[in-house]
């Protein structure tokens, strides 16, 4: 059974802000599912009262953005500085961002109105919003770009970074992806495996993925696979303890191929097994496979 250390968790405060349509509500809901008390669209003037020291203080996640009646970036940061002086309180600003072209598409698909729209276009509204939020983005403790991220991946990332459950000192996150859909936004290390033979060009294998044994067997016939994998593990072996020693809590290693379906998936799964045997705590995600399954 998982155990929660209340002596630490009762002092956690996460302030969520960011662009409209980027996923702030999903982030707040994810933190609520993790055990935080979640409150959205909170007036800035009320934040110090909500997190004031008390006997029943619990982890809290607060959402505030341009919808808030008294929203002002300078005032927000002044309040953050104020509550940061409360004894035993850990305060972090989480900024949820997204590329404007993706946000425009999302607003178009949902037919929602931007909160700053008035009589102007969504593009102009987003530009105005970015200007108002620029100061908060520069001062955020963590920025998550959801341009290429679905809700499940966002929730997983938040669990890795803000979990209330005791975890190993370093979590290694392996993420396969396809270069044709762009690089992952949150990767610390990126490795390209497009040099390996591609199962996509085998008609009988195209429908399968790197998680299927027949695809793995095909890739294993490449004479350059084992030398590459041995060099990769020789590189990561001494690096990972150094990352942990520096206090890094999460290390994201991205493995990419062309479409993110076969080679990158296979190598990520194989690397995950090796890391687990070495005693590391590993989480694996396959961005393009998950996008295909949506």
C-alpha atoms as a PDB file:
ATOM      1  CA  UNK A   1       0.000   0.000   0.000  1.00  0.00           C
ATOM      2  CA  UNK A   2       1.345   3.456  -0.876  1.00  0.00           C
ATOM      3  CA  UNK A   3       2.096   5.781   1.988  1.00  0.00           C
ATOM      4  CA  UNK A   4       1.760   9.593   2.012  1.00  0.00           C
ATOM      5  CA  UNK A   5       4.067  11.632   4.235  1.00  0.00           C
ATOM      6  CA  UNK A   6       1.676  14.228   5.657  1.00  0.00           C
ATOM      7  CA  UNK A   7       4.457  16.109   7.399  1.00  0.00           C
ATOM      8  CA  UNK A   8       5.699  17.141   3.962  1.00  0.00           C
ATOM      9  CA  UNK A   9       2.539  17.167   1.868  1.00  0.00           C
ATOM     10  CA  UNK A  10       0.485  19.492   4.056  1.00  0.00           C
ATOM     11  CA  UNK A  11       2.750  22.390   3.053  1.00  0.00           C
ATOM     12  CA  UNK A  12       2.545  22.055  -0.741  1.00  0.00           C
ATOM     13  CA  UNK A  13       0.923  24.798  -2.816  1.00  0.00           C
ATOM     14  CA  UNK A  14       0.794  24.694  -6.632  1.00  0.00           C
ATOM     15  CA  UNK A  15      -0.393  27.844  -8.408  1.00  0.00           C
ATOM     16  CA  UNK A  16      -1.590  26.985 -11.918  1.00  0.00           C
ATOM     17  CA  UNK A  17      -1.801  29.635 -14.622  1.00  0.00           C
ATOM     18  CA  UNK A  18      -1.228  29.834 -18.371  1.00  0.00           C
ATOM     19  CA  UNK A  19      -2.894  30.184 -21.733  1.00  0.00           C
ATOM     20  CA  UNK A  20      -6.618  29.661 -22.247  1.00  0.00           C
ATOM     21  CA  UNK A  21      -7.230  26.326 -23.942  1.00  0.00           C
ATOM     22  CA  UNK A  22      -3.781  24.971 -23.073  1.00  0.00           C
ATOM     23  CA  UNK A  23      -5.058  22.527 -20.444  1.00  0.00           C
ATOM     24  CA  UNK A  24      -5.129  24.372 -17.117  1.00  0.00           C
ATOM     25  CA  UNK A  25      -8.434  22.784 -16.113  1.00  0.00           C
ATOM     26  CA  UNK A  26      -7.098  19.314 -16.933  1.00  0.00           C
ATOM     27  CA  UNK A  27      -3.970  20.031 -14.888  1.00  0.00           C
ATOM     28  CA  UNK A  28      -6.044  21.190 -11.931  1.00  0.00           C
ATOM     29  CA  UNK A  29      -8.250  18.096 -12.137  1.00  0.00           C
ATOM     30  CA  UNK A  30      -5.177  15.852 -12.284  1.00  0.00           C
ATOM     31  CA  UNK A  31      -3.752  17.405  -9.135  1.00  0.00           C
ATOM     32  CA  UNK A  32      -7.124  16.993  -7.453  1.00  0.00           C
ATOM     33  CA  UNK A  33      -7.051  13.288  -8.338  1.00  0.00           C
ATOM     34  CA  UNK A  34      -3.595  13.108  -6.734  1.00  0.00           C
ATOM     35  CA  UNK A  35      -4.902  14.391  -3.401  1.00  0.00           C
ATOM     36  CA  UNK A  36      -4.646  18.159  -3.670  1.00  0.00           C
ATOM     37  CA  UNK A  37      -7.529  20.412  -2.710  1.00  0.00           C
ATOM     38  CA  UNK A  38      -8.273  22.089  -6.046  1.00  0.00           C
ATOM     39  CA  UNK A  39      -9.823  25.551  -6.426  1.00  0.00           C
ATOM     40  CA  UNK A  40     -10.207  27.266  -9.794  1.00  0.00           C
ATOM     41  CA  UNK A  41     -10.503  30.899 -10.883  1.00  0.00           C
ATOM     42  CA  UNK A  42      -9.477  32.271  -7.514  1.00  0.00           C
ATOM     43  CA  UNK A  43      -9.229  36.069  -7.107  1.00  0.00           C
ATOM     44  CA  UNK A  44      -5.597  36.956  -6.530  1.00  0.00           C
ATOM     45  CA  UNK A  45      -6.396  38.883  -3.358  1.00  0.00           C
ATOM     46  CA  UNK A  46      -7.800  35.690  -1.776  1.00  0.00           C
ATOM     47  CA  UNK A  47      -4.781  33.452  -2.358  1.00  0.00           C
ATOM     48  CA  UNK A  48      -2.906  34.435   0.846  1.00  0.00           C
ATOM     49  CA  UNK A  49      -6.005  33.653   2.914  1.00  0.00           C
ATOM     50  CA  UNK A  50      -6.478  30.254   1.281  1.00  0.00           C
ATOM     51  CA  UNK A  51      -2.954  29.079   2.070  1.00  0.00           C
ATOM     52  CA  UNK A  52      -2.495  30.791   5.454  1.00  0.00           C
ATOM     53  CA  UNK A  53      -0.979  28.567   8.164  1.00  0.00           C
ATOM     54  CA  UNK A  54      -3.560  26.475  10.008  1.00  0.00           C
ATOM     55  CA  UNK A  55      -3.876  23.189  11.877  1.00  0.00           C
ATOM     56  CA  UNK A  56      -5.667  21.487   8.975  1.00  0.00           C
ATOM     57  CA  UNK A  57      -3.479  22.697   6.110  1.00  0.00           C
ATOM     58  CA  UNK A  58      -3.590  20.269   3.183  1.00  0.00           C
ATOM     59  CA  UNK A  59      -1.856  20.235  -0.216  1.00  0.00           C
ATOM     60  CA  UNK A  60      -3.641  22.761  -2.399  1.00  0.00           C
ATOM     61  CA  UNK A  61      -3.721  23.557  -6.123  1.00  0.00           C
ATOM     62  CA  UNK A  62      -5.075  26.952  -7.160  1.00  0.00           C
ATOM     63  CA  UNK A  63      -6.003  27.979 -10.690  1.00  0.00           C
ATOM     64  CA  UNK A  64      -5.925  31.641 -11.681  1.00  0.00           C
ATOM     65  CA  UNK A  65      -5.636  33.325 -15.067  1.00  0.00           C
ATOM     66  CA  UNK A  66      -6.944  36.177 -17.221  1.00  0.00           C
ATOM     67  CA  UNK A  67     -10.549  35.161 -16.459  1.00  0.00           C
ATOM     68  CA  UNK A  68     -10.065  36.297 -12.876  1.00  0.00           C
ATOM     69  CA  UNK A  69     -11.722  39.634 -12.187  1.00  0.00           C
ATOM     70  CA  UNK A  70      -8.722  41.231 -10.448  1.00  0.00           C
ATOM     71  CA  UNK A  71      -6.044  39.472 -12.485  1.00  0.00           C
ATOM     72  CA  UNK A  72      -2.727  41.311 -12.613  1.00  0.00           C
ATOM     73  CA  UNK A  73       0.655  39.639 -13.099  1.00  0.00           C
ATOM     74  CA  UNK A  74       2.550  42.005 -10.778  1.00  0.00           C
ATOM     75  CA  UNK A  75      -0.055  41.607  -8.054  1.00  0.00           C
ATOM     76  CA  UNK A  76       0.031  37.831  -8.493  1.00  0.00           C
ATOM     77  CA  UNK A  77       3.809  37.689  -7.997  1.00  0.00           C
ATOM     78  CA  UNK A  78       3.611  40.011  -4.997  1.00  0.00           C
ATOM     79  CA  UNK A  79       1.206  37.572  -3.361  1.00  0.00           C
ATOM     80  CA  UNK A  80       3.447  34.639  -4.259  1.00  0.00           C
ATOM     81  CA  UNK A  81       6.355  36.415  -2.554  1.00  0.00           C
ATOM     82  CA  UNK A  82       4.143  37.091   0.452  1.00  0.00           C
ATOM     83  CA  UNK A  83       2.943  33.522   0.939  1.00  0.00           C
ATOM     84  CA  UNK A  84       6.454  32.241   0.275  1.00  0.00           C
ATOM     85  CA  UNK A  85       7.350  33.681   3.674  1.00  0.00           C
ATOM     86  CA  UNK A  86       4.793  31.513   5.451  1.00  0.00           C
ATOM     87  CA  UNK A  87       6.654  28.951   7.596  1.00  0.00           C
ATOM     88  CA  UNK A  88       6.937  25.446   6.157  1.00  0.00           C
ATOM     89  CA  UNK A  89       5.186  26.330   2.888  1.00  0.00           C
ATOM     90  CA  UNK A  90       6.439  25.095  -0.495  1.00  0.00           C
ATOM     91  CA  UNK A  91       5.025  27.280  -3.288  1.00  0.00           C
ATOM     92  CA  UNK A  92       5.447  26.507  -6.998  1.00  0.00           C
ATOM     93  CA  UNK A  93       4.079  28.298 -10.064  1.00  0.00           C
ATOM     94  CA  UNK A  94       3.048  25.963 -12.890  1.00  0.00           C
ATOM     95  CA  UNK A  95       2.533  27.602 -16.289  1.00  0.00           C
ATOM     96  CA  UNK A  96       0.559  25.635 -18.905  1.00  0.00           C
ATOM     97  CA  UNK A  97       1.460  26.833 -22.407  1.00  0.00           C
ATOM     98  CA  UNK A  98       0.647  25.864 -25.990  1.00  0.00           C
ATOM     99  CA  UNK A  99       1.494  27.096 -29.472  1.00  0.00           C
ATOM    100  CA  UNK A 100      -0.935  29.684 -30.798  1.00  0.00           C
ATOM    101  CA  UNK A 101      -1.765  27.784 -33.986  1.00  0.00           C
ATOM    102  CA  UNK A 102      -2.736  24.746 -31.908  1.00  0.00           C
ATOM    103  CA  UNK A 103      -4.852  26.897 -29.589  1.00  0.00           C
ATOM    104  CA  UNK A 104      -6.630  28.463 -32.569  1.00  0.00           C
ATOM    105  CA  UNK A 105      -7.452  24.985 -33.844  1.00  0.00           C
ATOM    106  CA  UNK A 106      -8.696  23.877 -30.419  1.00  0.00           C
ATOM    107  CA  UNK A 107     -10.961  26.907 -30.062  1.00  0.00           C
ATOM    108  CA  UNK A 108     -12.275  26.241 -33.558  1.00  0.00           C
ATOM    109  CA  UNK A 109     -13.011  22.585 -32.801  1.00  0.00           C
ATOM    110  CA  UNK A 110     -14.788  23.310 -29.510  1.00  0.00           C
ATOM    111  CA  UNK A 111     -16.422  26.559 -30.741  1.00  0.00           C
ATOM    112  CA  UNK A 112     -15.548  28.130 -27.416  1.00  0.00           C
ATOM    113  CA  UNK A 113     -15.079  31.866 -27.093  1.00  0.00           C
ATOM    114  CA  UNK A 114     -11.752  33.162 -25.833  1.00  0.00           C
ATOM    115  CA  UNK A 115     -12.209  35.038 -22.505  1.00  0.00           C
ATOM    116  CA  UNK A 116     -10.574  38.163 -23.984  1.00  0.00           C
ATOM    117  CA  UNK A 117     -12.278  37.898 -27.363  1.00  0.00           C
ATOM    118  CA  UNK A 118     -14.729  40.831 -27.271  1.00  0.00           C
ATOM    119  CA  UNK A 119     -14.954  41.828 -30.953  1.00  0.00           C
ATOM    120  CA  UNK A 120     -11.453  40.708 -31.962  1.00  0.00           C
ATOM    121  CA  UNK A 121     -10.174  37.492 -33.517  1.00  0.00           C
ATOM    122  CA  UNK A 122      -8.906  34.531 -31.518  1.00  0.00           C
ATOM    123  CA  UNK A 123      -5.385  35.202 -32.826  1.00  0.00           C
ATOM    124  CA  UNK A 124      -5.485  38.774 -31.497  1.00  0.00           C
ATOM    125  CA  UNK A 125      -6.988  37.577 -28.209  1.00  0.00           C
ATOM    126  CA  UNK A 126      -4.176  35.069 -27.765  1.00  0.00           C
ATOM    127  CA  UNK A 127      -1.579  37.735 -28.503  1.00  0.00           C
ATOM    128  CA  UNK A 128      -3.111  39.996 -25.846  1.00  0.00           C
ATOM    129  CA  UNK A 129      -3.241  37.116 -23.379  1.00  0.00           C
ATOM    130  CA  UNK A 130       0.421  36.235 -23.961  1.00  0.00           C
ATOM    131  CA  UNK A 131       1.394  39.827 -23.245  1.00  0.00           C
ATOM    132  CA  UNK A 132      -0.536  39.813 -19.969  1.00  0.00           C
ATOM    133  CA  UNK A 133       0.964  36.480 -18.911  1.00  0.00           C
ATOM    134  CA  UNK A 134       4.559  37.053 -20.061  1.00  0.00           C
ATOM    135  CA  UNK A 135       5.780  38.064 -16.613  1.00  0.00           C
ATOM    136  CA  UNK A 136       4.267  34.964 -14.999  1.00  0.00           C
ATOM    137  CA  UNK A 137       5.791  32.696 -17.621  1.00  0.00           C
ATOM    138  CA  UNK A 138       9.234  34.162 -16.945  1.00  0.00           C
ATOM    139  CA  UNK A 139       8.823  33.567 -13.212  1.00  0.00           C
ATOM    140  CA  UNK A 140       7.240  30.109 -13.367  1.00  0.00           C
ATOM    141  CA  UNK A 141       8.952  27.207 -11.614  1.00  0.00           C
ATOM    142  CA  UNK A 142       7.776  24.857 -14.338  1.00  0.00           C
ATOM    143  CA  UNK A 143       6.424  25.352 -17.868  1.00  0.00           C
ATOM    144  CA  UNK A 144       4.547  22.571 -19.639  1.00  0.00           C
ATOM    145  CA  UNK A 145       3.872  22.924 -23.355  1.00  0.00           C
ATOM    146  CA  UNK A 146       0.819  20.849 -24.314  1.00  0.00           C
ATOM    147  CA  UNK A 147       1.023  21.506 -28.071  1.00  0.00           C
ATOM    148  CA  UNK A 148       1.804  17.846 -28.769  1.00  0.00           C
ATOM    149  CA  UNK A 149       0.461  16.399 -25.527  1.00  0.00           C
ATOM    150  CA  UNK A 150      -2.883  14.718 -24.891  1.00  0.00           C
ATOM    151  CA  UNK A 151      -4.598  14.729 -21.507  1.00  0.00           C
ATOM    152  CA  UNK A 152      -3.275  11.341 -20.452  1.00  0.00           C
ATOM    153  CA  UNK A 153       0.343  12.372 -21.048  1.00  0.00           C
ATOM    154  CA  UNK A 154      -0.207  15.651 -19.179  1.00  0.00           C
ATOM    155  CA  UNK A 155      -1.606  13.763 -16.201  1.00  0.00           C
ATOM    156  CA  UNK A 156       1.344  11.379 -16.207  1.00  0.00           C
ATOM    157  CA  UNK A 157       3.832  14.256 -16.276  1.00  0.00           C
ATOM    158  CA  UNK A 158       2.074  16.000 -13.393  1.00  0.00           C
ATOM    159  CA  UNK A 159       2.094  12.782 -11.379  1.00  0.00           C
ATOM    160  CA  UNK A 160       5.840  12.545 -11.919  1.00  0.00           C
ATOM    161  CA  UNK A 161       6.509  16.128 -10.841  1.00  0.00           C
ATOM    162  CA  UNK A 162       3.895  16.789  -8.138  1.00  0.00           C
ATOM    163  CA  UNK A 163       3.050  13.398  -6.649  1.00  0.00           C
ATOM    164  CA  UNK A 164       2.219  13.285  -2.934  1.00  0.00           C
ATOM    165  CA  UNK A 165       3.363   9.670  -2.773  1.00  0.00           C
ATOM    166  CA  UNK A 166       6.906   8.859  -1.719  1.00  0.00           C
ATOM    167  CA  UNK A 167       8.960   7.901  -4.786  1.00  0.00           C
ATOM    168  CA  UNK A 168      12.582   7.039  -5.566  1.00  0.00           C
ATOM    169  CA  UNK A 169      14.924  10.044  -5.740  1.00  0.00           C
ATOM    170  CA  UNK A 170      15.057   9.844  -9.559  1.00  0.00           C
ATOM    171  CA  UNK A 171      12.306   8.793 -11.955  1.00  0.00           C
ATOM    172  CA  UNK A 172      13.462   7.960 -15.493  1.00  0.00           C
ATOM    173  CA  UNK A 173      10.809   8.689 -18.100  1.00  0.00           C
ATOM    174  CA  UNK A 174      11.311   7.003 -21.471  1.00  0.00           C
ATOM    175  CA  UNK A 175       9.322   8.533 -24.309  1.00  0.00           C
ATOM    176  CA  UNK A 176       9.206   7.202 -27.852  1.00  0.00           C
ATOM    177  CA  UNK A 177       8.204   9.612 -30.610  1.00  0.00           C
ATOM    178  CA  UNK A 178       8.166  10.181 -34.369  1.00  0.00           C
ATOM    179  CA  UNK A 179      10.286  12.982 -35.830  1.00  0.00           C
ATOM    180  CA  UNK A 180       7.603  13.706 -38.418  1.00  0.00           C
ATOM    181  CA  UNK A 181       5.364  14.954 -35.593  1.00  0.00           C
ATOM    182  CA  UNK A 182       8.096  17.005 -33.935  1.00  0.00           C
ATOM    183  CA  UNK A 183      10.425  16.664 -30.967  1.00  0.00           C
ATOM    184  CA  UNK A 184       8.954  16.170 -27.476  1.00  0.00           C
ATOM    185  CA  UNK A 185       8.934  19.469 -25.587  1.00  0.00           C
ATOM    186  CA  UNK A 186      10.095  18.153 -22.218  1.00  0.00           C
ATOM    187  CA  UNK A 187      12.974  15.808 -23.161  1.00  0.00           C
ATOM    188  CA  UNK A 188      16.319  16.039 -21.364  1.00  0.00           C
ATOM    189  CA  UNK A 189      18.113  13.633 -23.706  1.00  0.00           C
ATOM    190  CA  UNK A 190      17.135  12.717 -27.290  1.00  0.00           C
ATOM    191  CA  UNK A 191      18.409   9.733 -29.271  1.00  0.00           C
ATOM    192  CA  UNK A 192      17.705   9.091 -32.951  1.00  0.00           C
ATOM    193  CA  UNK A 193      17.197   5.465 -34.080  1.00  0.00           C
ATOM    194  CA  UNK A 194      16.182   6.172 -37.669  1.00  0.00           C
ATOM    195  CA  UNK A 195      19.360   4.410 -38.834  1.00  0.00           C
ATOM    196  CA  UNK A 196      17.860   1.016 -37.926  1.00  0.00           C
ATOM    197  CA  UNK A 197      16.024  -1.064 -40.518  1.00  0.00           C
ATOM    198  CA  UNK A 198      12.415   0.090 -40.739  1.00  0.00           C
ATOM    199  CA  UNK A 199       9.582  -2.454 -40.290  1.00  0.00           C
ATOM    200  CA  UNK A 200       7.213   0.053 -41.895  1.00  0.00           C
ATOM    201  CA  UNK A 201       8.457  -1.021 -45.326  1.00  0.00           C
ATOM    202  CA  UNK A 202       7.572  -4.648 -44.625  1.00  0.00           C
ATOM    203  CA  UNK A 203       3.919  -4.980 -45.626  1.00  0.00           C
ATOM    204  CA  UNK A 204       3.319  -7.800 -43.138  1.00  0.00           C
ATOM    205  CA  UNK A 205       4.715  -5.740 -40.233  1.00  0.00           C
ATOM    206  CA  UNK A 206       3.384  -2.266 -40.946  1.00  0.00           C
ATOM    207  CA  UNK A 207       0.174  -2.773 -38.964  1.00  0.00           C
ATOM    208  CA  UNK A 208       2.082  -3.853 -35.835  1.00  0.00           C
ATOM    209  CA  UNK A 209       4.156  -1.787 -33.395  1.00  0.00           C
ATOM    210  CA  UNK A 210       7.464  -2.006 -31.602  1.00  0.00           C
ATOM    211  CA  UNK A 211       5.648  -3.682 -28.718  1.00  0.00           C
ATOM    212  CA  UNK A 212       4.938  -6.738 -30.889  1.00  0.00           C
ATOM    213  CA  UNK A 213       7.489  -9.563 -30.808  1.00  0.00           C
ATOM    214  CA  UNK A 214       7.558 -10.031 -34.589  1.00  0.00           C
ATOM    215  CA  UNK A 215       8.556  -6.376 -35.047  1.00  0.00           C
ATOM    216  CA  UNK A 216      11.189  -6.704 -32.342  1.00  0.00           C
ATOM    217  CA  UNK A 217      12.603  -9.818 -33.987  1.00  0.00           C
ATOM    218  CA  UNK A 218      12.826  -7.991 -37.322  1.00  0.00           C
ATOM    219  CA  UNK A 219      14.676  -5.009 -35.819  1.00  0.00           C
ATOM    220  CA  UNK A 220      17.056  -7.342 -33.982  1.00  0.00           C
ATOM    221  CA  UNK A 221      18.330  -8.603 -37.333  1.00  0.00           C
ATOM    222  CA  UNK A 222      20.010  -5.228 -37.886  1.00  0.00           C
ATOM    223  CA  UNK A 223      23.738  -5.777 -37.247  1.00  0.00           C
ATOM    224  CA  UNK A 224      24.108  -2.226 -35.904  1.00  0.00           C
ATOM    225  CA  UNK A 225      21.452  -2.570 -33.212  1.00  0.00           C
ATOM    226  CA  UNK A 226      23.507  -4.265 -30.521  1.00  0.00           C
ATOM    227  CA  UNK A 227      26.603  -2.026 -30.871  1.00  0.00           C
ATOM    228  CA  UNK A 228      24.332   1.026 -30.635  1.00  0.00           C
ATOM    229  CA  UNK A 229      22.443  -0.310 -27.630  1.00  0.00           C
ATOM    230  CA  UNK A 230      25.651  -1.263 -25.829  1.00  0.00           C
ATOM    231  CA  UNK A 231      27.075   2.213 -26.414  1.00  0.00           C
ATOM    232  CA  UNK A 232      23.809   3.803 -25.259  1.00  0.00           C
ATOM    233  CA  UNK A 233      23.767   1.898 -21.974  1.00  0.00           C
ATOM    234  CA  UNK A 234      27.493   2.575 -21.487  1.00  0.00           C
ATOM    235  CA  UNK A 235      26.717   6.289 -21.831  1.00  0.00           C
ATOM    236  CA  UNK A 236      23.682   6.302 -19.556  1.00  0.00           C
ATOM    237  CA  UNK A 237      25.176   4.055 -16.879  1.00  0.00           C
ATOM    238  CA  UNK A 238      27.496   6.673 -15.335  1.00  0.00           C
ATOM    239  CA  UNK A 239      25.304   9.661 -16.293  1.00  0.00           C
ATOM    240  CA  UNK A 240      22.168   8.693 -14.362  1.00  0.00           C
ATOM    241  CA  UNK A 241      23.800   8.649 -10.890  1.00  0.00           C
ATOM    242  CA  UNK A 242      25.270  12.092 -11.628  1.00  0.00           C
ATOM    243  CA  UNK A 243      21.823  13.468 -12.475  1.00  0.00           C
ATOM    244  CA  UNK A 244      20.490  12.037  -9.216  1.00  0.00           C
ATOM    245  CA  UNK A 245      23.427  13.489  -7.265  1.00  0.00           C
ATOM    246  CA  UNK A 246      22.622  16.930  -8.669  1.00  0.00           C
ATOM    247  CA  UNK A 247      19.142  16.658  -7.182  1.00  0.00           C
ATOM    248  CA  UNK A 248      17.248  16.045 -10.429  1.00  0.00           C
ATOM    249  CA  UNK A 249      14.005  14.212  -9.626  1.00  0.00           C
ATOM    250  CA  UNK A 250      12.953  13.359 -13.207  1.00  0.00           C
ATOM    251  CA  UNK A 251      15.048  12.490 -16.243  1.00  0.00           C
ATOM    252  CA  UNK A 252      13.191  12.262 -19.564  1.00  0.00           C
ATOM    253  CA  UNK A 253      14.931  10.279 -22.304  1.00  0.00           C
ATOM    254  CA  UNK A 254      13.280  10.519 -25.724  1.00  0.00           C
ATOM    255  CA  UNK A 255      13.873   7.903 -28.424  1.00  0.00           C
ATOM    256  CA  UNK A 256      12.823   8.928 -31.927  1.00  0.00           C
ATOM    257  CA  UNK A 257      12.264   7.277 -35.292  1.00  0.00           C
ATOM    258  CA  UNK A 258      10.342   8.472 -38.326  1.00  0.00           C
ATOM    259  CA  UNK A 259       6.761   7.717 -37.339  1.00  0.00           C
ATOM    260  CA  UNK A 260       7.084   6.731 -33.694  1.00  0.00           C
ATOM    261  CA  UNK A 261       5.440   3.342 -34.249  1.00  0.00           C
ATOM    262  CA  UNK A 262       8.169   0.717 -34.554  1.00  0.00           C
ATOM    263  CA  UNK A 263      11.890   1.338 -33.957  1.00  0.00           C
ATOM    264  CA  UNK A 264      11.626   4.012 -31.258  1.00  0.00           C
ATOM    265  CA  UNK A 265       8.979   1.980 -29.422  1.00  0.00           C
ATOM    266  CA  UNK A 266      11.079  -1.175 -29.518  1.00  0.00           C
ATOM    267  CA  UNK A 267      14.267   0.558 -28.328  1.00  0.00           C
ATOM    268  CA  UNK A 268      12.390   2.379 -25.552  1.00  0.00           C
ATOM    269  CA  UNK A 269      10.904  -0.867 -24.278  1.00  0.00           C
ATOM    270  CA  UNK A 270      14.281  -2.615 -24.406  1.00  0.00           C
ATOM    271  CA  UNK A 271      16.020   0.287 -22.685  1.00  0.00           C
ATOM    272  CA  UNK A 272      13.301   0.335 -20.031  1.00  0.00           C
ATOM    273  CA  UNK A 273      13.942  -3.318 -19.211  1.00  0.00           C
ATOM    274  CA  UNK A 274      17.679  -2.671 -18.931  1.00  0.00           C
ATOM    275  CA  UNK A 275      17.160   0.324 -16.634  1.00  0.00           C
ATOM    276  CA  UNK A 276      14.770  -1.651 -14.432  1.00  0.00           C
ATOM    277  CA  UNK A 277      17.351  -4.439 -14.085  1.00  0.00           C
ATOM    278  CA  UNK A 278      19.848  -1.777 -13.021  1.00  0.00           C
ATOM    279  CA  UNK A 279      17.490  -0.853 -10.184  1.00  0.00           C
ATOM    280  CA  UNK A 280      16.030   2.375 -11.571  1.00  0.00           C
ATOM    281  CA  UNK A 281      12.404   3.500 -11.327  1.00  0.00           C
ATOM    282  CA  UNK A 282      11.183   3.712 -14.942  1.00  0.00           C
ATOM    283  CA  UNK A 283       8.045   4.986 -16.656  1.00  0.00           C
ATOM    284  CA  UNK A 284       7.499   4.493 -20.389  1.00  0.00           C
ATOM    285  CA  UNK A 285       5.197   6.390 -22.741  1.00  0.00           C
ATOM    286  CA  UNK A 286       4.744   6.132 -26.506  1.00  0.00           C
ATOM    287  CA  UNK A 287       3.513   9.501 -27.747  1.00  0.00           C
ATOM    288  CA  UNK A 288       2.606   8.591 -31.304  1.00  0.00           C
ATOM    289  CA  UNK A 289       1.077   5.251 -30.411  1.00  0.00           C
ATOM    290  CA  UNK A 290      -1.118   6.988 -27.840  1.00  0.00           C
ATOM    291  CA  UNK A 291      -2.104   9.648 -30.385  1.00  0.00           C
ATOM    292  CA  UNK A 292      -3.085   6.884 -32.813  1.00  0.00           C
ATOM    293  CA  UNK A 293      -5.244   5.222 -30.156  1.00  0.00           C
ATOM    294  CA  UNK A 294      -7.162   8.432 -29.301  1.00  0.00           C
END
